[in-house]
Amino acid sequence: MLLSLNGKTMLALCMLCLFDAAATDVGLQLEYIREANPVMRMLYETDRFLFYAVKAGMPLLLWWMCASFDGRR
C-alpha cells in the first residue's frame, strides 16, 4: 500500500527527526543558525521541551495516521 510504513522505516524517520531537533538546538544555542519557521521559533523560545515534543510528535502522528488509513482499506 502507498501509505503503509513498516516499523523500521518509522523508527528511522523518528531518529532523523530527533537528530534534526538536536542539531537545530545546538545550532540555535551557538548562534550558527536561526529558526526560519515562525511556529517552531515561537515553540523554541517558549520552551525547548515543546520544540522537541513537536519535532518528535510529528512522525509519530504520521505513523498513527498511516496505520489508521491503511486499516480502512
N, C-alpha and C. Protein backbone atom coordinates (compact mmCIF):
# COMPACT_ATOMS: atom_id res chain seq x y z
N MET A 1 0.83 -1.19 0.00
CA MET A 1 0.00 0.00 0.00
C MET A 1 0.88 1.26 0.00
N LEU A 2 0.35 2.30 -0.55
CA LEU A 2 1.09 3.55 -0.64
C LEU A 2 1.37 4.15 0.74
N LEU A 3 0.41 4.07 1.65
CA LEU A 3 0.57 4.67 2.97
C LEU A 3 1.20 3.74 3.99
N SER A 4 1.46 2.51 3.62
CA SER A 4 1.99 1.54 4.57
C SER A 4 3.46 1.84 4.87
N LEU A 5 3.73 2.06 6.14
CA LEU A 5 5.10 2.30 6.58
C LEU A 5 5.44 1.26 7.63
N ASN A 6 6.50 0.51 7.41
CA ASN A 6 6.85 -0.52 8.38
C ASN A 6 7.58 0.10 9.58
N GLY A 7 7.78 -0.71 10.59
CA GLY A 7 8.38 -0.24 11.84
C GLY A 7 9.78 0.30 11.68
N LYS A 8 10.60 -0.35 10.86
CA LYS A 8 11.97 0.11 10.67
C LYS A 8 12.02 1.46 9.98
N THR A 9 11.14 1.66 9.02
CA THR A 9 11.08 2.95 8.33
C THR A 9 10.67 4.05 9.29
N MET A 10 9.66 3.78 10.11
CA MET A 10 9.20 4.79 11.06
C MET A 10 10.24 5.06 12.14
N LEU A 11 10.93 4.03 12.58
CA LEU A 11 12.00 4.22 13.57
C LEU A 11 13.09 5.11 12.99
N ALA A 12 13.46 4.86 11.74
CA ALA A 12 14.48 5.69 11.08
C ALA A 12 13.98 7.14 10.95
N LEU A 13 12.71 7.32 10.58
CA LEU A 13 12.16 8.66 10.47
C LEU A 13 12.16 9.38 11.82
N CYS A 14 11.77 8.67 12.88
CA CYS A 14 11.77 9.27 14.22
C CYS A 14 13.19 9.65 14.65
N MET A 15 14.15 8.78 14.37
CA MET A 15 15.53 9.08 14.73
C MET A 15 16.06 10.28 13.96
N LEU A 16 15.72 10.37 12.69
CA LEU A 16 16.14 11.53 11.89
C LEU A 16 15.50 12.82 12.41
N CYS A 17 14.25 12.75 12.81
CA CYS A 17 13.58 13.94 13.34
C CYS A 17 14.21 14.37 14.67
N LEU A 18 14.55 13.41 15.52
CA LEU A 18 15.21 13.77 16.78
C LEU A 18 16.61 14.33 16.54
N PHE A 19 17.32 13.76 15.56
CA PHE A 19 18.63 14.31 15.21
C PHE A 19 18.48 15.74 14.69
N ASP A 20 17.46 15.95 13.85
CA ASP A 20 17.19 17.29 13.33
C ASP A 20 16.92 18.28 14.46
N ALA A 21 16.12 17.84 15.44
CA ALA A 21 15.80 18.71 16.58
C ALA A 21 17.06 19.02 17.38
N ALA A 22 17.88 18.01 17.64
CA ALA A 22 19.11 18.22 18.42
C ALA A 22 20.10 19.11 17.67
N ALA A 23 20.27 18.86 16.38
CA ALA A 23 21.19 19.67 15.58
C ALA A 23 20.69 21.11 15.49
N THR A 24 19.39 21.29 15.34
CA THR A 24 18.82 22.65 15.32
C THR A 24 19.03 23.33 16.65
N ASP A 25 18.82 22.60 17.74
CA ASP A 25 19.01 23.16 19.08
C ASP A 25 20.45 23.63 19.28
N VAL A 26 21.38 22.80 18.91
CA VAL A 26 22.80 23.17 19.05
C VAL A 26 23.12 24.38 18.17
N GLY A 27 22.65 24.36 16.95
CA GLY A 27 22.91 25.49 16.05
C GLY A 27 22.31 26.79 16.55
N LEU A 28 21.12 26.71 17.14
CA LEU A 28 20.49 27.91 17.70
C LEU A 28 21.23 28.40 18.93
N GLN A 29 21.62 27.48 19.80
CA GLN A 29 22.35 27.87 21.02
C GLN A 29 23.68 28.52 20.69
N LEU A 30 24.37 27.99 19.69
CA LEU A 30 25.67 28.54 19.31
C LEU A 30 25.55 29.71 18.33
N GLU A 31 24.31 30.06 17.98
CA GLU A 31 24.01 31.16 17.08
C GLU A 31 24.62 30.98 15.69
N TYR A 32 24.73 29.70 15.26
CA TYR A 32 25.18 29.42 13.90
C TYR A 32 24.03 29.55 12.91
N ILE A 33 22.82 29.30 13.39
CA ILE A 33 21.62 29.35 12.55
C ILE A 33 20.53 30.10 13.28
N ARG A 34 19.45 30.38 12.56
CA ARG A 34 18.25 30.89 13.21
C ARG A 34 17.08 30.09 12.66
N GLU A 35 16.06 29.92 13.47
CA GLU A 35 14.90 29.14 13.06
C GLU A 35 14.05 30.00 12.14
N ALA A 36 13.86 29.55 10.92
CA ALA A 36 13.10 30.31 9.93
C ALA A 36 11.59 30.08 10.05
N ASN A 37 11.21 28.92 10.58
CA ASN A 37 9.79 28.61 10.74
C ASN A 37 9.27 29.38 11.96
N PRO A 38 8.32 30.31 11.76
CA PRO A 38 7.87 31.13 12.89
C PRO A 38 7.19 30.33 14.00
N VAL A 39 6.49 29.26 13.65
CA VAL A 39 5.84 28.44 14.68
C VAL A 39 6.88 27.72 15.52
N MET A 40 7.86 27.11 14.87
CA MET A 40 8.91 26.41 15.61
C MET A 40 9.78 27.39 16.40
N ARG A 41 10.00 28.57 15.86
CA ARG A 41 10.76 29.59 16.58
C ARG A 41 10.04 29.97 17.88
N MET A 42 8.71 30.16 17.78
CA MET A 42 7.92 30.51 18.95
C MET A 42 7.96 29.38 19.99
N LEU A 43 7.85 28.13 19.52
CA LEU A 43 7.92 27.00 20.44
C LEU A 43 9.29 26.92 21.11
N TYR A 44 10.34 27.12 20.33
CA TYR A 44 11.70 27.05 20.87
C TYR A 44 11.94 28.14 21.91
N GLU A 45 11.46 29.34 21.60
CA GLU A 45 11.66 30.45 22.52
C GLU A 45 10.79 30.32 23.77
N THR A 46 9.65 29.64 23.64
CA THR A 46 8.76 29.44 24.78
C THR A 46 9.30 28.35 25.70
N ASP A 47 9.59 27.20 25.13
CA ASP A 47 10.05 26.06 25.92
C ASP A 47 10.68 25.04 24.98
N ARG A 48 11.91 24.68 25.24
CA ARG A 48 12.60 23.71 24.38
C ARG A 48 11.91 22.36 24.40
N PHE A 49 11.30 22.00 25.54
CA PHE A 49 10.59 20.73 25.60
C PHE A 49 9.46 20.69 24.57
N LEU A 50 8.73 21.79 24.42
CA LEU A 50 7.68 21.86 23.40
C LEU A 50 8.26 21.68 22.00
N PHE A 51 9.39 22.32 21.77
CA PHE A 51 10.08 22.21 20.49
C PHE A 51 10.39 20.75 20.18
N TYR A 52 11.02 20.05 21.14
CA TYR A 52 11.35 18.64 20.96
C TYR A 52 10.10 17.77 20.85
N ALA A 53 9.06 18.09 21.63
CA ALA A 53 7.82 17.31 21.60
C ALA A 53 7.16 17.38 20.23
N VAL A 54 7.14 18.57 19.64
CA VAL A 54 6.54 18.71 18.32
C VAL A 54 7.41 18.01 17.27
N LYS A 55 8.71 18.19 17.36
CA LYS A 55 9.61 17.55 16.39
C LYS A 55 9.50 16.03 16.46
N ALA A 56 9.36 15.48 17.67
CA ALA A 56 9.24 14.03 17.83
C ALA A 56 7.81 13.57 17.57
N GLY A 57 6.85 14.41 17.87
CA GLY A 57 5.45 14.02 17.73
C GLY A 57 4.95 13.96 16.30
N MET A 58 5.51 14.77 15.43
CA MET A 58 5.03 14.78 14.04
C MET A 58 5.20 13.43 13.35
N PRO A 59 6.37 12.78 13.39
CA PRO A 59 6.45 11.47 12.73
C PRO A 59 5.58 10.42 13.41
N LEU A 60 5.39 10.53 14.72
CA LEU A 60 4.51 9.59 15.41
C LEU A 60 3.07 9.80 14.96
N LEU A 61 2.67 11.04 14.79
CA LEU A 61 1.34 11.34 14.28
C LEU A 61 1.18 10.79 12.86
N LEU A 62 2.20 10.97 12.04
CA LEU A 62 2.17 10.42 10.68
C LEU A 62 2.02 8.91 10.71
N TRP A 63 2.76 8.25 11.58
CA TRP A 63 2.71 6.80 11.71
C TRP A 63 1.29 6.36 12.09
N TRP A 64 0.71 7.02 13.08
CA TRP A 64 -0.64 6.69 13.53
C TRP A 64 -1.65 6.92 12.40
N MET A 65 -1.52 8.04 11.69
CA MET A 65 -2.45 8.32 10.60
C MET A 65 -2.33 7.28 9.49
N CYS A 66 -1.12 6.93 9.12
CA CYS A 66 -0.92 5.92 8.08
C CYS A 66 -1.50 4.57 8.50
N ALA A 67 -1.30 4.20 9.76
CA ALA A 67 -1.84 2.94 10.25
C ALA A 67 -3.35 2.98 10.24
N SER A 68 -3.93 4.10 10.60
CA SER A 68 -5.39 4.22 10.63
C SER A 68 -5.97 4.15 9.23
N PHE A 69 -5.39 4.86 8.28
CA PHE A 69 -5.90 4.84 6.92
C PHE A 69 -5.65 3.50 6.25
N ASP A 70 -4.53 2.88 6.55
CA ASP A 70 -4.20 1.58 5.95
C ASP A 70 -5.18 0.52 6.42
N GLY A 71 -5.64 0.61 7.65
CA GLY A 71 -6.58 -0.35 8.19
C GLY A 71 -7.96 -0.24 7.60
N ARG A 72 -8.30 0.89 7.00
CA ARG A 72 -9.61 1.11 6.42
C ARG A 72 -9.74 0.54 5.02
N ARG A 73 -8.63 0.22 4.40
CA ARG A 73 -8.67 -0.27 3.01
C ARG A 73 -8.95 -1.74 2.95
